[in-house]
Amino acid sequence: MAKRTKKVGIVGKYGTRYGASLRKMVKKIEISQHAKYTCSFCGKTKMKRKAVGIWHCGSCMKTVAGGAWTYNTTSARKDFSNQSQKKVLDSCSTVWCHSPAQPPGLLLSRKHGFRGACRKPNPFPLLLCHSCFSSVLSKLDCVLAW
């Protein structure tokens, strides 16, 4: 049986060519492109790369376009997280305005059209939805005005 590689791993096929730094970079890319990813449709770890940017799930047989070397690109992940944060903020109907330097502010509700303002404008308002308000309220050291 042939001797296995100790450090180089998948890039051992290149031998001593191309330089150590380039082989290290290629190693990271090749490991990520040959890895199996979690399918966003069925949730199983069966998503494999078929060609550049084409990913196929062996479980639910879906074929989708993705990144060249990874299933999700970093820009797509950033965009998805920004969209999900925006959805959470849009679903929140209550804005509590409070900062440590000023007394608690007034409740502002987007849903019912109520308007109000603090005595001084707060550059960093605290945004809460109704479901997480009770858990955050216990952590605050002040009482918020209704």
C-alpha atoms as a PDB file:
ATOM      1  CA  MET A   1       0.000   0.000   0.000  1.00  0.00           C
ATOM      2  CA  ALA A   2       1.201   3.519  -0.793  1.00  0.00           C
ATOM      3  CA  LYS A   3       2.444   5.867   1.906  1.00  0.00           C
ATOM      4  CA  ARG A   4      -0.221   8.351   3.005  1.00  0.00           C
ATOM      5  CA  THR A   5       0.349  12.098   3.304  1.00  0.00           C
ATOM      6  CA  LYS A   6       0.961  13.613   6.717  1.00  0.00           C
ATOM      7  CA  LYS A   7       0.110  17.322   6.343  1.00  0.00           C
ATOM      8  CA  VAL A   8      -0.702  18.064   2.738  1.00  0.00           C
ATOM      9  CA  GLY A   9      -3.833  15.939   2.428  1.00  0.00           C
ATOM     10  CA  ILE A  10      -5.809  16.415  -0.771  1.00  0.00           C
ATOM     11  CA  VAL A  11      -3.126  18.595  -2.415  1.00  0.00           C
ATOM     12  CA  GLY A  12      -0.494  15.869  -2.162  1.00  0.00           C
ATOM     13  CA  LYS A  13      -1.281  15.160  -5.813  1.00  0.00           C
ATOM     14  CA  TYR A  14       0.570  18.366  -6.763  1.00  0.00           C
ATOM     15  CA  GLY A  15       3.840  17.145  -5.212  1.00  0.00           C
ATOM     16  CA  THR A  16       6.419  19.895  -4.685  1.00  0.00           C
ATOM     17  CA  ARG A  17       5.016  22.085  -7.456  1.00  0.00           C
ATOM     18  CA  TYR A  18       3.367  25.531  -7.124  1.00  0.00           C
ATOM     19  CA  GLY A  19       4.728  26.456  -3.666  1.00  0.00           C
ATOM     20  CA  ALA A  20       3.541  25.710  -0.138  1.00  0.00           C
ATOM     21  CA  SER A  21       1.365  28.813   0.341  1.00  0.00           C
ATOM     22  CA  LEU A  22      -0.593  28.273  -2.860  1.00  0.00           C
ATOM     23  CA  ARG A  23      -1.100  24.599  -2.063  1.00  0.00           C
ATOM     24  CA  LYS A  24      -2.461  25.548   1.391  1.00  0.00           C
ATOM     25  CA  MET A  25      -4.996  27.904  -0.186  1.00  0.00           C
ATOM     26  CA  VAL A  26      -6.018  25.294  -2.751  1.00  0.00           C
ATOM     27  CA  LYS A  27      -6.343  22.693   0.022  1.00  0.00           C
ATOM     28  CA  LYS A  28      -8.931  24.821   1.840  1.00  0.00           C
ATOM     29  CA  ILE A  29     -10.909  25.368  -1.363  1.00  0.00           C
ATOM     30  CA  GLU A  30     -10.785  21.727  -2.468  1.00  0.00           C
ATOM     31  CA  ILE A  31     -11.877  20.456   0.948  1.00  0.00           C
ATOM     32  CA  SER A  32     -14.859  22.834   0.923  1.00  0.00           C
ATOM     33  CA  GLN A  33     -15.880  21.930  -2.619  1.00  0.00           C
ATOM     34  CA  HIS A  34     -15.759  18.171  -1.989  1.00  0.00           C
ATOM     35  CA  ALA A  35     -17.635  18.415   1.313  1.00  0.00           C
ATOM     36  CA  LYS A  36     -21.319  17.558   1.685  1.00  0.00           C
ATOM     37  CA  TYR A  37     -23.599  20.382   2.794  1.00  0.00           C
ATOM     38  CA  THR A  38     -26.997  20.510   4.482  1.00  0.00           C
ATOM     39  CA  CYS A  39     -29.835  20.733   1.982  1.00  0.00           C
ATOM     40  CA  SER A  40     -32.000  23.803   2.533  1.00  0.00           C
ATOM     41  CA  PHE A  41     -35.075  21.905   1.296  1.00  0.00           C
ATOM     42  CA  CYS A  42     -35.001  18.573   3.156  1.00  0.00           C
ATOM     43  CA  GLY A  43     -32.449  19.343   5.895  1.00  0.00           C
ATOM     44  CA  LYS A  44     -30.248  16.302   5.214  1.00  0.00           C
ATOM     45  CA  THR A  45     -26.484  16.477   4.679  1.00  0.00           C
ATOM     46  CA  LYS A  46     -26.678  15.277   1.084  1.00  0.00           C
ATOM     47  CA  MET A  47     -25.950  18.402  -0.987  1.00  0.00           C
ATOM     48  CA  LYS A  48     -22.980  17.701  -3.287  1.00  0.00           C
ATOM     49  CA  ARG A  49     -21.310  19.747  -5.995  1.00  0.00           C
ATOM     50  CA  LYS A  50     -21.960  18.494  -9.535  1.00  0.00           C
ATOM     51  CA  ALA A  51     -20.207  21.262 -11.499  1.00  0.00           C
ATOM     52  CA  VAL A  52     -19.167  24.875 -10.969  1.00  0.00           C
ATOM     53  CA  GLY A  53     -22.091  26.505  -9.152  1.00  0.00           C
ATOM     54  CA  ILE A  54     -24.437  23.504  -9.548  1.00  0.00           C
ATOM     55  CA  TRP A  55     -25.392  21.625  -6.381  1.00  0.00           C
ATOM     56  CA  HIS A  56     -27.523  18.464  -6.194  1.00  0.00           C
ATOM     57  CA  CYS A  57     -29.222  16.858  -3.188  1.00  0.00           C
ATOM     58  CA  GLY A  58     -29.120  13.066  -3.251  1.00  0.00           C
ATOM     59  CA  SER A  59     -32.084  12.799  -0.887  1.00  0.00           C
ATOM     60  CA  CYS A  60     -34.772  15.071  -2.322  1.00  0.00           C
ATOM     61  CA  MET A  61     -33.224  15.178  -5.841  1.00  0.00           C
ATOM     62  CA  LYS A  62     -33.291  18.987  -6.018  1.00  0.00           C
ATOM     63  CA  THR A  63     -30.663  20.734  -8.149  1.00  0.00           C
ATOM     64  CA  VAL A  64     -29.904  24.351  -7.284  1.00  0.00           C
ATOM     65  CA  ALA A  65     -27.446  27.065  -8.233  1.00  0.00           C
ATOM     66  CA  GLY A  66     -25.002  28.049  -5.509  1.00  0.00           C
ATOM     67  CA  GLY A  67     -21.442  29.176  -5.092  1.00  0.00           C
ATOM     68  CA  ALA A  68     -18.561  27.857  -7.173  1.00  0.00           C
ATOM     69  CA  TRP A  69     -16.786  26.104  -4.282  1.00  0.00           C
ATOM     70  CA  THR A  70     -19.301  26.253  -1.428  1.00  0.00           C
ATOM     71  CA  TYR A  71     -23.063  25.777  -1.377  1.00  0.00           C
ATOM     72  CA  ASN A  72     -23.701  29.240   0.101  1.00  0.00           C
ATOM     73  CA  THR A  73     -21.442  32.157  -0.779  1.00  0.00           C
ATOM     74  CA  THR A  74     -20.458  34.647   1.925  1.00  0.00           C
ATOM     75  CA  SER A  75     -22.300  37.489   0.182  1.00  0.00           C
ATOM     76  CA  ALA A  76     -25.454  35.360  -0.046  1.00  0.00           C
ATOM     77  CA  ARG A  77     -25.203  34.556   3.677  1.00  0.00           C
ATOM     78  CA  LYS A  78     -24.793  38.264   4.520  1.00  0.00           C
ATOM     79  CA  ASP A  79     -27.744  39.180   2.313  1.00  0.00           C
ATOM     80  CA  PHE A  80     -29.904  36.447   3.860  1.00  0.00           C
ATOM     81  CA  SER A  81     -29.045  37.540   7.415  1.00  0.00           C
ATOM     82  CA  ASN A  82     -29.778  41.191   6.541  1.00  0.00           C
ATOM     83  CA  GLN A  83     -33.151  40.198   5.073  1.00  0.00           C
ATOM     84  CA  SER A  84     -34.056  38.093   8.104  1.00  0.00           C
ATOM     85  CA  GLN A  85     -33.056  40.920  10.484  1.00  0.00           C
ATOM     86  CA  LYS A  86     -35.178  43.341   8.455  1.00  0.00           C
ATOM     87  CA  LYS A  87     -38.149  40.944   8.637  1.00  0.00           C
ATOM     88  CA  VAL A  88     -37.785  40.716  12.423  1.00  0.00           C
ATOM     89  CA  LEU A  89     -37.634  44.502  12.777  1.00  0.00           C
ATOM     90  CA  ASP A  90     -40.617  44.963  10.449  1.00  0.00           C
ATOM     91  CA  SER A  91     -42.643  42.421  12.426  1.00  0.00           C
ATOM     92  CA  CYS A  92     -41.838  44.226  15.680  1.00  0.00           C
ATOM     93  CA  SER A  93     -44.658  46.648  16.358  1.00  0.00           C
ATOM     94  CA  THR A  94     -43.157  48.331  19.394  1.00  0.00           C
ATOM     95  CA  VAL A  95     -40.165  50.625  19.705  1.00  0.00           C
ATOM     96  CA  TRP A  96     -38.890  51.385  23.186  1.00  0.00           C
ATOM     97  CA  CYS A  97     -36.659  54.435  23.280  1.00  0.00           C
ATOM     98  CA  HIS A  98     -34.288  54.498  26.240  1.00  0.00           C
ATOM     99  CA  SER A  99     -30.642  55.206  26.955  1.00  0.00           C
ATOM    100  CA  PRO A 100     -28.711  55.228  30.259  1.00  0.00           C
ATOM    101  CA  ALA A 101     -28.241  59.019  30.098  1.00  0.00           C
ATOM    102  CA  GLN A 102     -31.945  59.856  30.049  1.00  0.00           C
ATOM    103  CA  PRO A 103     -35.173  58.724  31.737  1.00  0.00           C
ATOM    104  CA  PRO A 104     -37.271  56.024  30.085  1.00  0.00           C
ATOM    105  CA  GLY A 105     -38.934  57.107  26.894  1.00  0.00           C
ATOM    106  CA  LEU A 106     -42.429  56.805  25.525  1.00  0.00           C
ATOM    107  CA  LEU A 107     -43.884  53.759  23.830  1.00  0.00           C
ATOM    108  CA  LEU A 108     -44.045  54.124  20.063  1.00  0.00           C
ATOM    109  CA  SER A 109     -46.256  51.702  18.181  1.00  0.00           C
ATOM    110  CA  ARG A 110     -45.986  51.374  14.406  1.00  0.00           C
ATOM    111  CA  LYS A 111     -48.928  49.018  14.131  1.00  0.00           C
ATOM    112  CA  HIS A 112     -51.564  51.319  15.652  1.00  0.00           C
ATOM    113  CA  GLY A 113     -50.087  54.609  14.468  1.00  0.00           C
ATOM    114  CA  PHE A 114     -49.271  56.046  17.922  1.00  0.00           C
ATOM    115  CA  ARG A 115     -46.562  58.675  17.929  1.00  0.00           C
ATOM    116  CA  GLY A 116     -44.502  59.975  20.806  1.00  0.00           C
ATOM    117  CA  ALA A 117     -41.010  61.115  21.587  1.00  0.00           C
ATOM    118  CA  CYS A 118     -38.467  61.170  24.370  1.00  0.00           C
ATOM    119  CA  ARG A 119     -37.456  64.454  25.931  1.00  0.00           C
ATOM    120  CA  LYS A 120     -34.159  64.121  24.078  1.00  0.00           C
ATOM    121  CA  PRO A 121     -33.792  62.161  20.841  1.00  0.00           C
ATOM    122  CA  ASN A 122     -32.071  58.823  21.377  1.00  0.00           C
ATOM    123  CA  PRO A 123     -29.570  57.818  18.677  1.00  0.00           C
ATOM    124  CA  PHE A 124     -29.656  54.148  19.795  1.00  0.00           C
ATOM    125  CA  PRO A 125     -33.257  52.976  20.333  1.00  0.00           C
ATOM    126  CA  LEU A 126     -33.879  49.486  21.655  1.00  0.00           C
ATOM    127  CA  LEU A 127     -36.127  47.484  19.314  1.00  0.00           C
ATOM    128  CA  LEU A 128     -38.200  44.664  20.797  1.00  0.00           C
ATOM    129  CA  CYS A 129     -41.028  42.511  19.566  1.00  0.00           C
ATOM    130  CA  HIS A 130     -43.806  41.551  21.970  1.00  0.00           C
ATOM    131  CA  SER A 131     -42.659  37.934  22.299  1.00  0.00           C
ATOM    132  CA  CYS A 132     -39.148  38.786  23.477  1.00  0.00           C
ATOM    133  CA  PHE A 133     -40.163  41.836  25.526  1.00  0.00           C
ATOM    134  CA  SER A 134     -40.783  39.847  28.722  1.00  0.00           C
ATOM    135  CA  SER A 135     -37.371  38.165  28.617  1.00  0.00           C
ATOM    136  CA  VAL A 136     -35.576  41.456  27.981  1.00  0.00           C
ATOM    137  CA  LEU A 137     -37.596  43.348  30.595  1.00  0.00           C
ATOM    138  CA  SER A 138     -36.141  41.201  33.371  1.00  0.00           C
ATOM    139  CA  LYS A 139     -32.625  42.128  32.224  1.00  0.00           C
ATOM    140  CA  LEU A 140     -33.212  45.892  32.193  1.00  0.00           C
ATOM    141  CA  ASP A 141     -32.364  47.836  35.334  1.00  0.00           C
ATOM    142  CA  CYS A 142     -35.078  50.443  34.844  1.00  0.00           C
ATOM    143  CA  VAL A 143     -38.831  50.567  34.349  1.00  0.00           C
ATOM    144  CA  LEU A 144     -40.002  51.556  30.903  1.00  0.00           C
ATOM    145  CA  ALA A 145     -42.941  53.943  30.614  1.00  0.00           C
ATOM    146  CA  TRP A 146     -46.136  52.817  28.944  1.00  0.00           C
END
